[in-house]
Amino acid sequence: MRRLCLLFLAAFPLAASAEDTAAPNLDPSAVTAPGLVARMVTAQALFAAGQLQKDALSMLAAAHLAGSVTLIATERQPEAGAATAIDGEGPPLPPDAAAMAAAARAALDPDETLAIVLAEEEAANRLIPAGSLRSTQAVLAPGAAQDWRLAFDGQALAEVGIIGAGQVPLRMTVTDAAGAVICMPQTQKPTASCAFVPRESGYFTLRVENLSEQPASYLLLTN
């Protein structure tokens, strides 16, 4: 009997250990091709590079990418935690597709041929949009972090991303309900994206950290 009791008690640490090492809520076999969030993040990076290098064609391509996605303004609140508010308004938000197109048009002004191409691209985007994303504006104090609780369906593509204003470095981390890391892009840039397929429906936490001593404005994007 004593031996059976010892075996029974010894089983509890093993059960706890198995629970602690539970697999993340992630289907590792699923193939995740770049989606609309990745498209928007790429558009912002391409536009910023085009502005820096005075490359009108890059700005034109960025405007085309961004213009093909419809952003639906969505009211969401971060989880309660450390103070993240800033005094007054944050920095201007990243340019949207219309602002990109206007900048590209100004850069292309002397070139009538490329200006015609831009007009055709804008018309094509209006006629055949690639899809839509939910978009939420947020501001973040220097050195602060915000957590967003997001629900995603199991066995379906989940996409999240952030697009920050200017060159303020941000860090993005996605964890499941148990705290297991789903993705943490190894970058400290204003933009980041992550695509994954949950094993089952559930809640996930997106953490955004401001790694600078300046206030940050950013867009939170989800599919």
Protein backbone atom coordinates (compact mmCIF):
# COMPACT_ATOMS: atom_id res chain seq x y z
CA MET A 1 0.00 0.00 0.00
CA ARG A 2 2.80 2.40 0.94
CA ARG A 3 4.45 1.77 -2.38
CA LEU A 4 1.22 2.53 -4.24
CA CYS A 5 0.83 5.83 -2.34
CA LEU A 6 4.36 6.86 -3.21
CA LEU A 7 3.73 6.08 -6.85
CA PHE A 8 0.49 8.09 -6.74
CA LEU A 9 2.20 11.11 -5.17
CA ALA A 10 5.08 10.90 -7.60
CA ALA A 11 2.63 11.20 -10.48
CA PHE A 12 1.57 14.74 -9.53
CA PRO A 13 4.89 16.45 -10.41
CA LEU A 14 4.85 14.61 -13.72
CA ALA A 15 1.35 15.87 -14.48
CA ALA A 16 2.31 19.43 -13.58
CA SER A 17 5.41 19.17 -15.73
CA ALA A 18 3.35 18.00 -18.70
CA GLU A 19 0.97 20.93 -18.23
CA ASP A 20 3.83 23.42 -17.99
CA THR A 21 5.28 22.16 -21.26
CA ALA A 22 1.97 22.10 -23.14
CA ALA A 23 2.44 22.81 -26.82
CA PRO A 24 1.66 26.36 -27.97
CA ASN A 25 -1.72 26.95 -29.58
CA LEU A 26 -0.16 26.73 -33.01
CA ASP A 27 -0.44 24.34 -35.94
CA PRO A 28 3.21 23.89 -36.98
CA SER A 29 2.24 21.99 -40.12
CA ALA A 30 0.18 24.85 -41.56
CA VAL A 31 1.67 26.86 -44.41
CA THR A 32 1.30 30.62 -43.91
CA ALA A 33 1.86 32.59 -47.09
CA PRO A 34 2.20 36.40 -46.73
CA GLY A 35 -1.25 37.95 -46.44
CA LEU A 36 -2.79 41.42 -46.38
CA VAL A 37 -1.10 42.50 -43.13
CA ALA A 38 2.30 41.63 -44.59
CA ARG A 39 1.31 43.55 -47.73
CA MET A 40 0.57 46.70 -45.72
CA VAL A 41 3.79 46.41 -43.72
CA THR A 42 5.75 45.96 -46.95
CA ALA A 43 4.03 49.00 -48.47
CA GLN A 44 5.08 51.21 -45.55
CA ALA A 45 8.68 50.00 -45.64
CA LEU A 46 8.85 50.46 -49.42
CA PHE A 47 7.37 53.96 -49.23
CA ALA A 48 9.82 55.01 -46.51
CA ALA A 49 12.73 53.72 -48.58
CA GLY A 50 11.39 55.48 -51.67
CA GLN A 51 11.15 58.79 -49.84
CA LEU A 52 14.65 58.42 -48.43
CA GLN A 53 16.16 57.60 -51.83
CA LYS A 54 13.87 59.94 -53.78
CA ASP A 55 12.77 56.90 -55.80
CA ALA A 56 9.40 57.73 -57.34
CA LEU A 57 8.90 54.19 -58.66
CA SER A 58 9.22 52.70 -55.15
CA MET A 59 6.70 55.22 -53.86
CA LEU A 60 4.38 54.32 -56.73
CA ALA A 61 4.68 50.60 -55.93
CA ALA A 62 4.00 51.30 -52.24
CA ALA A 63 0.89 53.31 -53.08
CA HIS A 64 -0.34 50.43 -55.25
CA LEU A 65 0.16 47.87 -52.46
CA ALA A 66 -1.47 50.00 -49.78
CA GLY A 67 -4.32 51.06 -52.04
CA SER A 68 -5.34 47.48 -52.71
CA VAL A 69 -6.28 46.92 -49.04
CA THR A 70 -9.30 48.52 -47.36
CA LEU A 71 -8.70 49.45 -43.71
CA ILE A 72 -11.77 49.25 -41.47
CA ALA A 73 -11.44 51.48 -38.40
CA THR A 74 -12.11 49.28 -35.35
CA GLU A 75 -12.56 50.49 -31.77
CA ARG A 76 -10.39 48.37 -29.45
CA GLN A 77 -8.86 49.02 -26.05
CA PRO A 78 -5.58 47.62 -24.72
CA GLU A 79 -5.58 45.57 -21.54
CA ALA A 80 -5.37 47.49 -18.26
CA GLY A 81 -1.84 47.81 -16.95
CA ALA A 82 0.95 50.33 -16.63
CA ALA A 83 0.18 53.88 -17.74
CA THR A 84 0.79 54.22 -21.45
CA ALA A 85 -0.90 57.53 -22.22
CA ILE A 86 1.01 60.59 -23.35
CA ASP A 87 0.27 64.27 -22.94
CA GLY A 88 -1.39 65.70 -26.04
CA GLU A 89 -1.45 63.90 -29.36
CA GLY A 90 1.11 61.43 -30.52
CA PRO A 91 3.28 61.78 -33.62
CA PRO A 92 1.45 61.82 -36.97
CA LEU A 93 0.32 58.39 -38.08
CA PRO A 94 2.00 56.66 -41.04
CA PRO A 95 0.77 57.78 -44.48
CA ASP A 96 -2.24 55.97 -45.87
CA ALA A 97 -2.65 54.95 -49.51
CA ALA A 98 -4.03 58.36 -50.50
CA ALA A 99 -1.08 60.19 -48.94
CA MET A 100 1.36 57.81 -50.62
CA ALA A 101 -0.31 58.37 -53.98
CA ALA A 102 -0.19 62.15 -53.50
CA ALA A 103 3.53 62.02 -52.67
CA ALA A 104 4.19 59.73 -55.63
CA ARG A 105 2.20 62.04 -57.90
CA ALA A 106 4.27 65.03 -56.77
CA ALA A 107 7.49 63.13 -57.38
CA LEU A 108 6.27 62.04 -60.82
CA ASP A 109 5.02 65.46 -61.86
CA PRO A 110 7.62 66.02 -64.62
CA ASP A 111 7.07 62.51 -66.04
CA GLU A 112 3.73 62.32 -67.84
CA THR A 113 4.06 58.61 -68.65
CA LEU A 114 4.55 57.54 -65.03
CA ALA A 115 1.78 59.89 -63.92
CA ILE A 116 -0.57 58.04 -66.28
CA VAL A 117 0.60 54.73 -64.80
CA LEU A 118 -0.20 56.03 -61.30
CA ALA A 119 -3.70 57.04 -62.37
CA GLU A 120 -4.29 53.58 -63.86
CA GLU A 121 -3.05 51.88 -60.67
CA GLU A 122 -5.40 53.96 -58.51
CA ALA A 123 -8.34 53.07 -60.74
CA ALA A 124 -7.45 49.36 -60.63
CA ASN A 125 -7.27 49.40 -56.82
CA ARG A 126 -10.73 50.94 -56.61
CA LEU A 127 -12.22 48.37 -58.96
CA ILE A 128 -10.52 45.23 -57.61
CA PRO A 129 -9.53 45.57 -53.93
CA ALA A 130 -7.48 42.68 -52.56
CA GLY A 131 -9.41 42.59 -49.28
CA SER A 132 -9.86 44.37 -45.96
CA LEU A 133 -8.22 44.54 -42.53
CA ARG A 134 -9.27 45.83 -39.12
CA SER A 135 -7.25 48.87 -38.10
CA THR A 136 -6.90 50.50 -34.67
CA GLN A 137 -4.95 53.68 -33.90
CA ALA A 138 -2.87 53.75 -30.72
CA VAL A 139 -0.30 55.92 -28.94
CA LEU A 140 2.42 54.68 -26.62
CA ALA A 141 4.50 56.56 -24.07
CA PRO A 142 8.33 56.33 -24.16
CA GLY A 143 9.53 52.99 -22.80
CA ALA A 144 5.96 51.75 -22.24
CA ALA A 145 4.15 48.64 -23.46
CA GLN A 146 0.57 47.83 -24.41
CA ASP A 147 -1.16 44.44 -24.44
CA TRP A 148 -4.03 43.70 -26.81
CA ARG A 149 -6.28 40.65 -26.29
CA LEU A 150 -7.29 39.21 -29.64
CA ALA A 151 -9.46 36.21 -30.55
CA PHE A 152 -8.68 33.98 -33.54
CA ASP A 153 -10.38 30.91 -34.98
CA GLY A 154 -8.68 27.55 -34.97
CA GLN A 155 -7.35 26.13 -38.23
CA ALA A 156 -7.65 29.53 -39.94
CA LEU A 157 -4.97 32.04 -40.87
CA ALA A 158 -4.39 34.67 -38.18
CA GLU A 159 -2.49 37.82 -39.11
CA VAL A 160 -1.36 40.66 -36.87
CA GLY A 161 0.89 43.61 -37.51
CA ILE A 162 1.92 47.08 -36.42
CA ILE A 163 2.84 50.10 -38.50
CA GLY A 164 4.57 52.82 -36.51
CA ALA A 165 5.06 56.48 -37.34
CA GLY A 166 8.49 57.76 -38.24
CA GLN A 167 11.54 55.79 -37.14
CA VAL A 168 10.55 55.06 -33.53
CA PRO A 169 11.60 51.43 -32.85
CA LEU A 170 8.82 49.11 -31.68
CA ARG A 171 8.89 45.48 -30.59
CA MET A 172 5.96 43.12 -31.16
CA THR A 173 5.34 39.80 -29.39
CA VAL A 174 2.39 37.42 -29.78
CA THR A 175 1.62 34.85 -27.06
CA ASP A 176 -1.23 32.36 -26.60
CA ALA A 177 -3.59 32.17 -23.60
CA ALA A 178 -1.04 30.09 -21.67
CA GLY A 179 1.76 32.60 -22.30
CA ALA A 180 3.63 30.54 -24.89
CA VAL A 181 5.37 32.69 -27.50
CA ILE A 182 3.80 32.31 -30.93
CA CYS A 183 6.02 34.81 -32.70
CA MET A 184 8.47 37.56 -31.88
CA PRO A 185 9.91 39.20 -35.00
CA GLN A 186 13.62 39.80 -34.46
CA THR A 187 13.50 43.42 -35.42
CA GLN A 188 13.38 46.79 -33.73
CA LYS A 189 11.75 48.75 -36.52
CA PRO A 190 8.53 50.80 -36.71
CA THR A 191 6.79 47.95 -38.57
CA ALA A 192 6.36 44.23 -37.93
CA SER A 193 3.95 41.44 -38.88
CA CYS A 194 3.18 37.87 -37.91
CA ALA A 195 1.06 35.17 -39.55
CA PHE A 196 0.16 31.83 -37.95
CA VAL A 197 -2.57 29.19 -37.80
CA PRO A 198 -3.93 28.41 -34.30
CA ARG A 199 -4.41 24.75 -33.50
CA GLU A 200 -7.76 25.64 -31.90
CA SER A 201 -9.88 28.75 -31.37
CA GLY A 202 -8.72 30.94 -28.50
CA TYR A 203 -7.38 34.24 -27.24
CA PHE A 204 -3.94 35.61 -27.94
CA THR A 205 -2.05 38.60 -26.54
CA LEU A 206 -0.24 41.05 -28.78
CA ARG A 207 2.30 43.13 -26.87
CA VAL A 208 3.73 46.31 -28.39
CA GLU A 209 6.75 47.90 -26.71
CA ASN A 210 8.14 51.37 -27.36
CA LEU A 211 11.92 50.94 -27.27
CA SER A 212 12.69 54.64 -27.56
CA GLU A 213 12.59 57.73 -25.37
CA GLN A 214 10.04 59.32 -27.68
CA PRO A 215 6.25 58.87 -27.80
CA ALA A 216 5.03 56.56 -30.55
CA SER A 217 1.91 56.37 -32.70
CA TYR A 218 1.05 53.18 -34.53
CA LEU A 219 -1.66 51.25 -36.31
CA LEU A 220 -2.65 47.80 -35.07
CA LEU A 221 -3.74 45.61 -37.98
CA THR A 222 -5.55 42.25 -37.86
CA ASN A 223 -7.36 40.14 -40.42
